Amino acid sequence: MEVVMNVTRKCLLLAVLVLPAACAGTSETRVSAESHYDTDYISAVEYVAYKRGVRVFWVNPPNERIED
């Protein structure tokens, strides 16, 4: 019984130590997701697709082109 309690304590301690580390990196994804999409192009493609009865799923939406 003592062995089971030791294993349970170790697992619980490990979970308590790992959970904060797993949640620590979630705020960085919002910073990288601030790219500007080319909404005019997306709208045009989705309009044509709607007229043809096709659904569009953007895996990598097009970004706006920045001219120098």
C-alpha atoms as a PDB file:
ATOM      1  CA  MET A   1       0.000   0.000   0.000  1.00  0.00           C
ATOM      2  CA  GLU A   2       2.887   2.340   0.772  1.00  0.00           C
ATOM      3  CA  VAL A   3       4.333   1.829  -2.714  1.00  0.00           C
ATOM      4  CA  VAL A   4       1.021   2.791  -4.300  1.00  0.00           C
ATOM      5  CA  MET A   5       0.865   5.957  -2.201  1.00  0.00           C
ATOM      6  CA  ASN A   6       4.422   6.922  -3.185  1.00  0.00           C
ATOM      7  CA  VAL A   7       3.659   6.415  -6.881  1.00  0.00           C
ATOM      8  CA  THR A   8       0.437   8.395  -6.551  1.00  0.00           C
ATOM      9  CA  ARG A   9       2.232  11.257  -4.822  1.00  0.00           C
ATOM     10  CA  LYS A  10       4.947  11.326  -7.470  1.00  0.00           C
ATOM     11  CA  CYS A  11       2.389  11.382 -10.289  1.00  0.00           C
ATOM     12  CA  LEU A  12       0.427  14.143  -8.606  1.00  0.00           C
ATOM     13  CA  LEU A  13       3.586  16.177  -8.005  1.00  0.00           C
ATOM     14  CA  LEU A  14       4.658  15.697 -11.610  1.00  0.00           C
ATOM     15  CA  ALA A  15       1.246  16.834 -12.866  1.00  0.00           C
ATOM     16  CA  VAL A  16       1.350  19.927 -10.653  1.00  0.00           C
ATOM     17  CA  LEU A  17       4.805  20.822 -11.960  1.00  0.00           C
ATOM     18  CA  VAL A  18       4.080  20.149 -15.646  1.00  0.00           C
ATOM     19  CA  LEU A  19       0.690  21.876 -16.017  1.00  0.00           C
ATOM     20  CA  PRO A  20       1.926  25.465 -15.500  1.00  0.00           C
ATOM     21  CA  ALA A  21       4.715  24.877 -18.008  1.00  0.00           C
ATOM     22  CA  ALA A  22       2.237  23.590 -20.584  1.00  0.00           C
ATOM     23  CA  CYS A  23       0.083  26.713 -20.287  1.00  0.00           C
ATOM     24  CA  ALA A  24       2.979  29.167 -20.286  1.00  0.00           C
ATOM     25  CA  GLY A  25       3.463  29.255 -24.062  1.00  0.00           C
ATOM     26  CA  THR A  26      -0.097  29.959 -25.155  1.00  0.00           C
ATOM     27  CA  SER A  27       0.201  33.768 -25.274  1.00  0.00           C
ATOM     28  CA  GLU A  28       2.806  33.707 -28.061  1.00  0.00           C
ATOM     29  CA  THR A  29       0.343  32.364 -30.617  1.00  0.00           C
ATOM     30  CA  ARG A  30      -1.718  35.551 -30.512  1.00  0.00           C
ATOM     31  CA  VAL A  31       1.284  37.662 -31.437  1.00  0.00           C
ATOM     32  CA  SER A  32       2.086  35.558 -34.488  1.00  0.00           C
ATOM     33  CA  ALA A  33      -1.562  35.455 -35.583  1.00  0.00           C
ATOM     34  CA  GLU A  34      -1.688  39.222 -36.161  1.00  0.00           C
ATOM     35  CA  SER A  35      -0.862  38.979 -39.849  1.00  0.00           C
ATOM     36  CA  HIS A  36      -2.967  41.023 -42.237  1.00  0.00           C
ATOM     37  CA  TYR A  37      -4.979  38.978 -44.689  1.00  0.00           C
ATOM     38  CA  ASP A  38      -5.764  40.111 -48.215  1.00  0.00           C
ATOM     39  CA  THR A  39      -9.484  40.532 -47.581  1.00  0.00           C
ATOM     40  CA  ASP A  40     -10.237  41.812 -51.093  1.00  0.00           C
ATOM     41  CA  TYR A  41      -8.797  38.669 -52.677  1.00  0.00           C
ATOM     42  CA  ILE A  42     -10.451  36.398 -50.114  1.00  0.00           C
ATOM     43  CA  SER A  43     -13.817  38.071 -50.719  1.00  0.00           C
ATOM     44  CA  ALA A  44     -13.477  37.764 -54.495  1.00  0.00           C
ATOM     45  CA  VAL A  45     -12.600  34.065 -54.324  1.00  0.00           C
ATOM     46  CA  GLU A  46     -15.390  33.306 -51.868  1.00  0.00           C
ATOM     47  CA  TYR A  47     -17.910  35.236 -53.995  1.00  0.00           C
ATOM     48  CA  VAL A  48     -17.059  33.249 -57.115  1.00  0.00           C
ATOM     49  CA  ALA A  49     -17.101  30.021 -55.121  1.00  0.00           C
ATOM     50  CA  TYR A  50     -20.525  30.878 -53.692  1.00  0.00           C
ATOM     51  CA  LYS A  51     -21.899  31.570 -57.171  1.00  0.00           C
ATOM     52  CA  ARG A  52     -20.617  28.176 -58.351  1.00  0.00           C
ATOM     53  CA  GLY A  53     -21.876  26.308 -55.284  1.00  0.00           C
ATOM     54  CA  VAL A  54     -18.420  25.528 -53.966  1.00  0.00           C
ATOM     55  CA  ARG A  55     -17.212  25.928 -50.388  1.00  0.00           C
ATOM     56  CA  VAL A  56     -13.761  27.374 -49.714  1.00  0.00           C
ATOM     57  CA  PHE A  57     -11.699  26.408 -46.679  1.00  0.00           C
ATOM     58  CA  TRP A  58      -8.624  28.586 -46.222  1.00  0.00           C
ATOM     59  CA  VAL A  59      -5.759  26.563 -44.778  1.00  0.00           C
ATOM     60  CA  ASN A  60      -3.230  29.329 -45.396  1.00  0.00           C
ATOM     61  CA  PRO A  61      -5.128  32.534 -46.158  1.00  0.00           C
ATOM     62  CA  PRO A  62      -3.296  34.942 -48.457  1.00  0.00           C
ATOM     63  CA  ASN A  63      -1.506  37.833 -46.781  1.00  0.00           C
ATOM     64  CA  GLU A  64      -1.562  41.403 -48.031  1.00  0.00           C
ATOM     65  CA  ARG A  65       1.342  42.313 -50.232  1.00  0.00           C
ATOM     66  CA  ILE A  66       3.385  45.171 -48.874  1.00  0.00           C
ATOM     67  CA  GLU A  67       4.805  47.425 -51.557  1.00  0.00           C
ATOM     68  CA  ASP A  68       7.965  49.370 -50.836  1.00  0.00           C
END
